[in-house]
């Protein structure tokens, strides 16, 4: 069973915002590595339709960041669709990776312009710190899904 070298986790960073963004980037990288060398068919594969495909994970997380940053933090109107878990044939691996990277850059831009104590505009009492921790949790959860799917697909672990 193939095993790739793991990317080292982020070093300690004194600035809280930078540390949270570093952990989010670390987890995003893990997920992208699970997807980037798969064929279009492999990227959509699920074991007995039981888990989210790796392509579905990347597409979902791209939308999650958009909803939380643009929607909850900045007040833009957003929506959720089951299609983000099951993208159609028009979404390619290359496009999904490009969209996730672009969203990551936009997330970093938005987060860089706000204090971690900036309240969400949805009246929930949450702040940017809470949102970043939630994005880390959500990304880590789905990294586990991607790990399981990839291992069941071709035996690859540790990337």
N, C-alpha and C. Protein backbone atom coordinates (compact mmCIF):
# COMPACT_ATOMS: atom_id res chain seq x y z
N UNK A 1 0.85 -1.17 0.00
CA UNK A 1 0.00 0.00 0.00
C UNK A 1 0.89 1.24 0.00
N UNK A 2 0.72 2.14 -0.98
CA UNK A 2 1.57 3.33 -1.07
C UNK A 2 1.38 4.25 0.13
N UNK A 3 2.46 4.83 0.58
CA UNK A 3 2.37 5.80 1.67
C UNK A 3 3.28 6.96 1.34
N UNK A 4 2.76 8.16 1.39
CA UNK A 4 3.52 9.37 1.10
C UNK A 4 4.00 9.98 2.42
N UNK A 5 5.04 10.79 2.33
CA UNK A 5 5.52 11.51 3.51
C UNK A 5 4.47 12.52 3.94
N UNK A 6 4.25 12.60 5.23
CA UNK A 6 3.30 13.57 5.77
C UNK A 6 3.95 14.94 5.80
N UNK A 7 3.17 15.96 5.55
CA UNK A 7 3.64 17.33 5.64
C UNK A 7 3.69 17.72 7.11
N UNK A 8 4.79 18.35 7.53
CA UNK A 8 4.86 18.73 8.96
C UNK A 8 3.76 19.71 9.34
N UNK A 9 3.28 19.56 10.57
CA UNK A 9 2.24 20.47 11.05
C UNK A 9 2.84 21.87 11.25
N UNK A 10 2.00 22.88 11.33
CA UNK A 10 2.50 24.26 11.47
C UNK A 10 3.35 24.44 12.74
N UNK A 11 4.35 25.26 12.61
CA UNK A 11 5.18 25.62 13.76
C UNK A 11 4.40 26.59 14.65
N UNK A 12 4.82 26.71 15.91
CA UNK A 12 4.16 27.71 16.76
C UNK A 12 4.31 29.11 16.15
N UNK A 13 3.22 29.84 16.14
CA UNK A 13 3.18 31.20 15.60
C UNK A 13 2.56 32.07 16.68
N UNK A 14 3.22 33.16 17.08
CA UNK A 14 2.69 33.97 18.19
C UNK A 14 1.36 34.66 17.88
N UNK A 15 1.12 35.04 16.64
CA UNK A 15 -0.11 35.73 16.29
C UNK A 15 -1.25 34.73 16.13
N UNK A 16 -2.32 34.90 16.91
CA UNK A 16 -3.43 33.95 16.91
C UNK A 16 -4.06 33.79 15.53
N UNK A 17 -4.32 34.88 14.85
CA UNK A 17 -4.96 34.81 13.53
C UNK A 17 -4.07 34.03 12.55
N UNK A 18 -2.77 34.33 12.56
CA UNK A 18 -1.85 33.62 11.66
C UNK A 18 -1.76 32.14 12.00
N UNK A 19 -1.79 31.82 13.29
CA UNK A 19 -1.75 30.42 13.71
C UNK A 19 -2.99 29.67 13.24
N UNK A 20 -4.16 30.27 13.41
CA UNK A 20 -5.40 29.63 12.95
C UNK A 20 -5.40 29.45 11.44
N UNK A 21 -4.95 30.47 10.71
CA UNK A 21 -4.87 30.34 9.25
C UNK A 21 -3.85 29.28 8.83
N UNK A 22 -2.76 29.16 9.58
CA UNK A 22 -1.74 28.15 9.26
C UNK A 22 -2.31 26.74 9.43
N UNK A 23 -3.07 26.51 10.50
CA UNK A 23 -3.68 25.20 10.70
C UNK A 23 -4.72 24.91 9.61
N UNK A 24 -5.48 25.91 9.23
CA UNK A 24 -6.46 25.72 8.17
C UNK A 24 -5.75 25.39 6.85
N UNK A 25 -4.66 26.08 6.56
CA UNK A 25 -3.89 25.82 5.34
C UNK A 25 -3.29 24.41 5.36
N UNK A 26 -2.80 24.01 6.51
CA UNK A 26 -2.22 22.68 6.66
C UNK A 26 -3.26 21.60 6.33
N UNK A 27 -4.46 21.77 6.86
CA UNK A 27 -5.52 20.79 6.60
C UNK A 27 -5.99 20.83 5.16
N UNK A 28 -6.08 22.03 4.58
CA UNK A 28 -6.45 22.13 3.17
C UNK A 28 -5.44 21.39 2.30
N UNK A 29 -4.15 21.57 2.62
CA UNK A 29 -3.11 20.89 1.85
C UNK A 29 -3.26 19.39 1.90
N UNK A 30 -3.59 18.86 3.05
CA UNK A 30 -3.81 17.42 3.19
C UNK A 30 -4.93 16.96 2.27
N UNK A 31 -6.00 17.71 2.25
CA UNK A 31 -7.14 17.34 1.41
C UNK A 31 -6.79 17.44 -0.07
N UNK A 32 -6.12 18.51 -0.46
CA UNK A 32 -5.75 18.66 -1.86
C UNK A 32 -4.82 17.54 -2.32
N UNK A 33 -3.91 17.12 -1.46
CA UNK A 33 -3.01 16.02 -1.84
C UNK A 33 -3.78 14.72 -2.06
N UNK A 34 -4.90 14.55 -1.37
CA UNK A 34 -5.74 13.36 -1.57
C UNK A 34 -6.41 13.37 -2.94
N UNK A 35 -6.59 14.53 -3.51
CA UNK A 35 -7.34 14.67 -4.76
C UNK A 35 -6.46 14.81 -6.00
N UNK A 36 -5.36 15.51 -5.89
CA UNK A 36 -4.65 15.99 -7.07
C UNK A 36 -4.16 14.92 -8.04
N UNK A 37 -3.83 13.74 -7.59
CA UNK A 37 -3.33 12.74 -8.52
C UNK A 37 -4.37 11.70 -8.93
N UNK A 38 -5.63 11.98 -8.62
CA UNK A 38 -6.70 11.06 -8.99
C UNK A 38 -7.25 11.40 -10.38
N UNK A 39 -7.72 10.37 -11.08
CA UNK A 39 -8.43 10.60 -12.33
C UNK A 39 -9.80 11.20 -12.01
N UNK A 40 -10.47 11.69 -13.01
CA UNK A 40 -11.81 12.24 -12.80
C UNK A 40 -12.75 11.18 -12.23
N UNK A 41 -12.65 9.97 -12.73
CA UNK A 41 -13.51 8.89 -12.23
C UNK A 41 -13.16 8.54 -10.78
N UNK A 42 -11.89 8.41 -10.48
CA UNK A 42 -11.47 8.09 -9.11
C UNK A 42 -11.89 9.19 -8.13
N UNK A 43 -11.81 10.44 -8.55
CA UNK A 43 -12.14 11.56 -7.68
C UNK A 43 -13.61 11.54 -7.26
N UNK A 44 -14.46 10.91 -8.07
CA UNK A 44 -15.89 10.83 -7.79
C UNK A 44 -16.30 9.52 -7.10
N UNK A 45 -15.36 8.63 -6.92
CA UNK A 45 -15.65 7.30 -6.37
C UNK A 45 -15.99 7.37 -4.89
N UNK A 46 -16.97 6.56 -4.50
CA UNK A 46 -17.27 6.36 -3.08
C UNK A 46 -17.46 4.86 -2.85
N UNK A 47 -17.07 4.36 -1.68
CA UNK A 47 -17.27 2.94 -1.39
C UNK A 47 -18.75 2.66 -1.11
N UNK A 48 -19.38 1.94 -2.00
CA UNK A 48 -20.80 1.60 -1.84
C UNK A 48 -21.65 2.83 -1.54
N UNK A 49 -21.27 3.96 -2.12
CA UNK A 49 -21.99 5.22 -1.93
C UNK A 49 -22.14 5.59 -0.45
N UNK A 50 -21.15 5.17 0.38
CA UNK A 50 -21.26 5.38 1.82
C UNK A 50 -20.57 6.65 2.31
N UNK A 51 -19.57 7.12 1.63
CA UNK A 51 -18.85 8.31 2.05
C UNK A 51 -18.94 9.36 0.95
N UNK A 52 -18.49 10.54 1.25
CA UNK A 52 -18.40 11.60 0.25
C UNK A 52 -17.16 11.34 -0.60
N UNK A 53 -17.28 11.53 -1.90
CA UNK A 53 -16.10 11.39 -2.76
C UNK A 53 -15.07 12.45 -2.39
N UNK A 54 -13.82 12.23 -2.77
CA UNK A 54 -12.79 13.22 -2.47
C UNK A 54 -13.10 14.52 -3.21
N UNK A 55 -13.59 14.43 -4.43
CA UNK A 55 -13.99 15.64 -5.15
C UNK A 55 -15.14 16.34 -4.42
N UNK A 56 -16.08 15.58 -3.91
CA UNK A 56 -17.18 16.16 -3.15
C UNK A 56 -16.72 16.86 -1.89
N UNK A 57 -15.71 16.30 -1.23
CA UNK A 57 -15.16 16.92 -0.03
C UNK A 57 -14.58 18.29 -0.37
N UNK A 58 -13.77 18.36 -1.42
CA UNK A 58 -13.14 19.64 -1.81
C UNK A 58 -14.20 20.65 -2.21
N UNK A 59 -15.17 20.22 -2.97
CA UNK A 59 -16.24 21.13 -3.39
C UNK A 59 -17.04 21.62 -2.19
N UNK A 60 -17.38 20.72 -1.29
CA UNK A 60 -18.12 21.10 -0.08
C UNK A 60 -17.34 22.10 0.76
N UNK A 61 -16.06 21.83 1.01
CA UNK A 61 -15.28 22.73 1.86
C UNK A 61 -15.09 24.10 1.23
N UNK A 62 -15.01 24.16 -0.09
CA UNK A 62 -14.95 25.45 -0.77
C UNK A 62 -16.21 26.25 -0.44
N UNK A 63 -17.35 25.60 -0.51
CA UNK A 63 -18.62 26.27 -0.20
C UNK A 63 -18.74 26.61 1.28
N UNK A 64 -18.25 25.74 2.13
CA UNK A 64 -18.32 26.00 3.58
C UNK A 64 -17.58 27.29 3.92
N UNK A 65 -16.37 27.44 3.41
CA UNK A 65 -15.61 28.67 3.68
C UNK A 65 -16.36 29.88 3.15
N UNK A 66 -16.92 29.79 1.97
CA UNK A 66 -17.68 30.90 1.38
C UNK A 66 -18.87 31.26 2.27
N UNK A 67 -19.63 30.24 2.71
CA UNK A 67 -20.79 30.53 3.55
C UNK A 67 -20.41 31.19 4.86
N UNK A 68 -19.36 30.67 5.51
CA UNK A 68 -18.99 31.21 6.82
C UNK A 68 -18.33 32.58 6.72
N UNK A 69 -17.45 32.78 5.75
CA UNK A 69 -16.75 34.07 5.67
C UNK A 69 -17.61 35.13 4.99
N UNK A 70 -18.06 34.85 3.79
CA UNK A 70 -18.85 35.86 3.09
C UNK A 70 -20.24 36.02 3.70
N UNK A 71 -20.83 34.90 4.10
CA UNK A 71 -22.18 34.93 4.64
C UNK A 71 -22.23 35.32 6.10
N UNK A 72 -21.79 34.44 6.96
CA UNK A 72 -21.92 34.67 8.41
C UNK A 72 -21.09 35.86 8.88
N UNK A 73 -19.86 35.98 8.40
CA UNK A 73 -19.00 37.08 8.86
C UNK A 73 -19.35 38.41 8.19
N UNK A 74 -19.54 38.39 6.87
CA UNK A 74 -19.69 39.65 6.14
C UNK A 74 -21.14 39.99 5.77
N UNK A 75 -22.05 39.05 5.99
CA UNK A 75 -23.46 39.35 5.77
C UNK A 75 -23.98 39.13 4.37
N UNK A 76 -23.19 38.53 3.48
CA UNK A 76 -23.67 38.25 2.13
C UNK A 76 -24.70 37.13 2.16
N UNK A 77 -25.59 37.13 1.20
CA UNK A 77 -26.56 36.05 1.10
C UNK A 77 -25.87 34.83 0.52
N UNK A 78 -26.03 33.70 1.18
CA UNK A 78 -25.44 32.44 0.72
C UNK A 78 -26.51 31.36 0.78
N UNK A 79 -26.16 30.19 0.26
CA UNK A 79 -27.09 29.07 0.27
C UNK A 79 -26.31 27.77 0.37
N UNK A 80 -27.03 26.72 0.65
CA UNK A 80 -26.42 25.39 0.74
C UNK A 80 -27.21 24.45 -0.15
N UNK A 81 -26.47 23.57 -0.82
CA UNK A 81 -27.11 22.61 -1.72
C UNK A 81 -26.42 21.26 -1.57
N UNK A 82 -27.20 20.20 -1.64
CA UNK A 82 -26.61 18.86 -1.60
C UNK A 82 -25.69 18.63 -2.80
N UNK A 83 -25.84 19.44 -3.86
CA UNK A 83 -24.99 19.29 -5.04
C UNK A 83 -23.52 19.53 -4.71
N UNK A 84 -23.24 20.28 -3.65
CA UNK A 84 -21.83 20.50 -3.32
C UNK A 84 -21.16 19.21 -2.86
N UNK A 85 -21.92 18.26 -2.32
CA UNK A 85 -21.37 16.96 -1.92
C UNK A 85 -21.25 16.01 -3.12
N UNK A 86 -22.08 16.23 -4.12
CA UNK A 86 -22.13 15.35 -5.29
C UNK A 86 -22.04 16.21 -6.56
N UNK A 87 -20.85 16.77 -6.82
CA UNK A 87 -20.74 17.67 -7.98
C UNK A 87 -20.98 16.94 -9.29
N UNK A 88 -21.55 17.66 -10.22
CA UNK A 88 -21.82 17.09 -11.53
C UNK A 88 -20.55 16.92 -12.35
N UNK A 89 -20.68 16.36 -13.52
CA UNK A 89 -19.52 16.07 -14.37
C UNK A 89 -18.81 17.32 -14.88
N UNK A 90 -19.46 18.46 -14.78
CA UNK A 90 -18.82 19.70 -15.26
C UNK A 90 -17.69 20.16 -14.34
N UNK A 91 -17.69 19.72 -13.10
CA UNK A 91 -16.62 20.11 -12.17
C UNK A 91 -15.47 19.10 -12.29
N UNK A 92 -14.34 19.57 -12.78
CA UNK A 92 -13.17 18.71 -12.93
C UNK A 92 -12.30 18.79 -11.68
N UNK A 93 -11.40 17.85 -11.57
CA UNK A 93 -10.44 17.86 -10.46
C UNK A 93 -9.64 19.16 -10.48
N UNK A 94 -9.15 19.54 -11.65
CA UNK A 94 -8.34 20.77 -11.75
C UNK A 94 -9.15 21.99 -11.34
N UNK A 95 -10.40 22.06 -11.77
CA UNK A 95 -11.24 23.21 -11.43
C UNK A 95 -11.56 23.23 -9.94
N UNK A 96 -11.85 22.07 -9.37
CA UNK A 96 -12.14 22.01 -7.93
C UNK A 96 -10.94 22.46 -7.12
N UNK A 97 -9.75 22.02 -7.50
CA UNK A 97 -8.53 22.44 -6.80
C UNK A 97 -8.31 23.94 -6.95
N UNK A 98 -8.52 24.46 -8.16
CA UNK A 98 -8.34 25.90 -8.39
C UNK A 98 -9.34 26.71 -7.58
N UNK A 99 -10.58 26.27 -7.53
CA UNK A 99 -11.60 26.98 -6.75
C UNK A 99 -11.28 26.96 -5.25
N UNK A 100 -10.81 25.82 -4.76
CA UNK A 100 -10.47 25.70 -3.34
C UNK A 100 -9.29 26.62 -2.99
N UNK A 101 -8.30 26.66 -3.88
CA UNK A 101 -7.15 27.55 -3.64
C UNK A 101 -7.58 29.03 -3.70
N UNK A 102 -8.44 29.36 -4.65
CA UNK A 102 -8.93 30.74 -4.74
C UNK A 102 -9.73 31.11 -3.51
N UNK A 103 -10.55 30.18 -3.02
CA UNK A 103 -11.31 30.44 -1.80
C UNK A 103 -10.38 30.61 -0.62
N UNK A 104 -9.33 29.81 -0.56
CA UNK A 104 -8.35 29.93 0.53
C UNK A 104 -7.72 31.32 0.52
N UNK A 105 -7.38 31.82 -0.65
CA UNK A 105 -6.79 33.15 -0.76
C UNK A 105 -7.79 34.21 -0.32
N UNK A 106 -9.05 34.06 -0.72
CA UNK A 106 -10.08 35.02 -0.32
C UNK A 106 -10.33 34.94 1.19
N UNK A 107 -10.33 33.75 1.73
CA UNK A 107 -10.48 33.58 3.17
C UNK A 107 -9.36 34.30 3.90
N UNK A 108 -8.13 34.11 3.45
CA UNK A 108 -6.98 34.79 4.08
C UNK A 108 -7.11 36.31 3.98
N UNK A 109 -7.61 36.78 2.83
CA UNK A 109 -7.78 38.23 2.65
C UNK A 109 -8.82 38.76 3.63
N UNK A 110 -9.97 38.09 3.73
CA UNK A 110 -11.02 38.54 4.63
C UNK A 110 -10.55 38.48 6.08
N UNK A 111 -9.96 37.37 6.46
CA UNK A 111 -9.50 37.20 7.84
C UNK A 111 -8.43 38.22 8.19
N UNK A 112 -7.56 38.54 7.24
CA UNK A 112 -6.51 39.52 7.48
C UNK A 112 -7.03 40.92 7.71
N UNK A 113 -8.24 41.20 7.26
CA UNK A 113 -8.81 42.53 7.40
C UNK A 113 -9.65 42.70 8.66
N UNK A 114 -9.83 41.62 9.42
CA UNK A 114 -10.70 41.66 10.58
C UNK A 114 -9.95 41.25 11.85
N UNK A 115 -10.40 41.76 12.97
CA UNK A 115 -9.88 41.30 14.26
C UNK A 115 -10.53 39.95 14.56
N UNK A 116 -9.83 39.08 15.29
CA UNK A 116 -10.41 37.78 15.63
C UNK A 116 -11.65 37.94 16.52
N UNK A 117 -11.79 39.09 17.13
CA UNK A 117 -12.96 39.36 17.97
C UNK A 117 -14.11 40.01 17.19
N UNK A 118 -13.95 40.20 15.89
CA UNK A 118 -15.00 40.78 15.06
C UNK A 118 -16.24 39.90 15.13
N UNK A 119 -17.40 40.47 15.49
CA UNK A 119 -18.60 39.65 15.60
C UNK A 119 -19.16 39.28 14.23
N UNK A 120 -19.78 38.12 14.17
CA UNK A 120 -20.49 37.71 12.97
C UNK A 120 -21.69 38.62 12.78
N UNK A 121 -22.09 38.82 11.55
CA UNK A 121 -23.21 39.71 11.27
C UNK A 121 -24.57 39.02 11.34
N UNK A 122 -24.57 37.77 11.77
CA UNK A 122 -25.84 37.04 11.84
C UNK A 122 -26.51 37.13 13.21
N UNK A 123 -25.91 37.89 14.13
CA UNK A 123 -26.51 38.06 15.45
C UNK A 123 -26.36 36.86 16.37
N UNK A 124 -25.51 35.92 16.02
CA UNK A 124 -25.37 34.69 16.80
C UNK A 124 -24.51 34.84 18.05
N UNK A 125 -23.76 35.93 18.14
CA UNK A 125 -22.82 36.10 19.24
C UNK A 125 -21.46 35.48 18.96
N UNK A 126 -21.34 34.83 17.82
CA UNK A 126 -20.05 34.26 17.41
C UNK A 126 -19.16 35.37 16.89
N UNK A 127 -17.85 35.07 16.86
CA UNK A 127 -16.90 36.02 16.29
C UNK A 127 -15.99 35.30 15.30
N UNK A 128 -15.07 36.05 14.71
CA UNK A 128 -14.17 35.47 13.71
C UNK A 128 -13.36 34.32 14.30
N UNK A 129 -12.92 34.43 15.53
CA UNK A 129 -12.17 33.33 16.16
C UNK A 129 -13.00 32.05 16.12
N UNK A 130 -14.27 32.14 16.52
CA UNK A 130 -15.16 30.98 16.51
C UNK A 130 -15.28 30.41 15.09
N UNK A 131 -15.46 31.30 14.11
CA UNK A 131 -15.60 30.86 12.72
C UNK A 131 -14.34 30.14 12.26
N UNK A 132 -13.17 30.69 12.55
CA UNK A 132 -11.93 30.03 12.13
C UNK A 132 -11.76 28.67 12.80
N UNK A 133 -12.08 28.58 14.08
CA UNK A 133 -12.00 27.29 14.76
C UNK A 133 -12.99 26.30 14.16
N UNK A 134 -14.18 26.78 13.82
CA UNK A 134 -15.16 25.90 13.18
C UNK A 134 -14.66 25.43 11.81
N UNK A 135 -14.07 26.33 11.03
CA UNK A 135 -13.54 25.93 9.72
C UNK A 135 -12.43 24.90 9.87
N UNK A 136 -11.59 25.04 10.89
CA UNK A 136 -10.55 24.05 11.15
C UNK A 136 -11.20 22.71 11.49
N UNK A 137 -12.19 22.74 12.36
CA UNK A 137 -12.89 21.50 12.76
C UNK A 137 -13.57 20.86 11.56
N UNK A 138 -14.27 21.63 10.77
CA UNK A 138 -14.97 21.10 9.60
C UNK A 138 -13.99 20.51 8.59
N UNK A 139 -12.89 21.22 8.36
CA UNK A 139 -11.89 20.76 7.40
C UNK A 139 -11.22 19.49 7.91
N UNK A 140 -10.92 19.43 9.20
CA UNK A 140 -10.30 18.22 9.78
C UNK A 140 -11.26 17.03 9.67
N UNK A 141 -12.53 17.25 9.96
CA UNK A 141 -13.52 16.18 9.86
C UNK A 141 -13.55 15.61 8.44
N UNK A 142 -13.60 16.49 7.47
CA UNK A 142 -13.68 16.03 6.09
C UNK A 142 -12.34 15.52 5.56
N UNK A 143 -11.25 15.95 6.18
CA UNK A 143 -9.95 15.35 5.83
C UNK A 143 -9.97 13.88 6.20
N UNK A 144 -10.60 13.55 7.32
CA UNK A 144 -10.76 12.15 7.69
C UNK A 144 -11.60 11.38 6.69
N UNK A 145 -12.67 11.99 6.20
CA UNK A 145 -13.47 11.35 5.17
C UNK A 145 -12.64 11.11 3.92
N UNK A 146 -11.87 12.12 3.52
CA UNK A 146 -11.03 11.98 2.33
C UNK A 146 -9.97 10.90 2.54
N UNK A 147 -9.40 10.83 3.73
CA UNK A 147 -8.42 9.79 4.06
C UNK A 147 -9.04 8.40 3.88
N UNK A 148 -10.22 8.21 4.46
CA UNK A 148 -10.87 6.91 4.40
C UNK A 148 -11.23 6.54 2.97
N UNK A 149 -11.80 7.48 2.23
CA UNK A 149 -12.17 7.20 0.85
C UNK A 149 -10.94 6.85 0.03
N UNK A 150 -9.88 7.63 0.17
CA UNK A 150 -8.66 7.39 -0.61
C UNK A 150 -8.04 6.04 -0.27
N UNK A 151 -8.00 5.70 1.01
CA UNK A 151 -7.41 4.42 1.39
C UNK A 151 -8.24 3.26 0.83
N UNK A 152 -9.55 3.37 0.88
CA UNK A 152 -10.40 2.32 0.33
C UNK A 152 -10.31 2.27 -1.20
N UNK A 153 -10.07 3.42 -1.82
CA UNK A 153 -9.96 3.48 -3.27
C UNK A 153 -8.72 2.77 -3.79
N UNK A 154 -7.55 3.15 -3.24
CA UNK A 154 -6.32 2.61 -3.81
C UNK A 154 -5.24 2.26 -2.78
N UNK A 155 -5.60 2.31 -1.49
CA UNK A 155 -4.65 1.92 -0.46
C UNK A 155 -3.69 3.01 -0.04
N UNK A 156 -3.79 4.20 -0.63
CA UNK A 156 -2.88 5.29 -0.30
C UNK A 156 -3.23 5.86 1.08
N UNK A 157 -2.22 5.99 1.91
CA UNK A 157 -2.39 6.59 3.23
C UNK A 157 -1.28 7.61 3.46
N UNK A 158 -1.49 8.47 4.41
CA UNK A 158 -0.43 9.36 4.87
C UNK A 158 -0.13 10.56 4.03
N UNK A 159 -1.00 10.94 3.09
CA UNK A 159 -0.69 12.14 2.30
C UNK A 159 -1.56 13.29 2.73
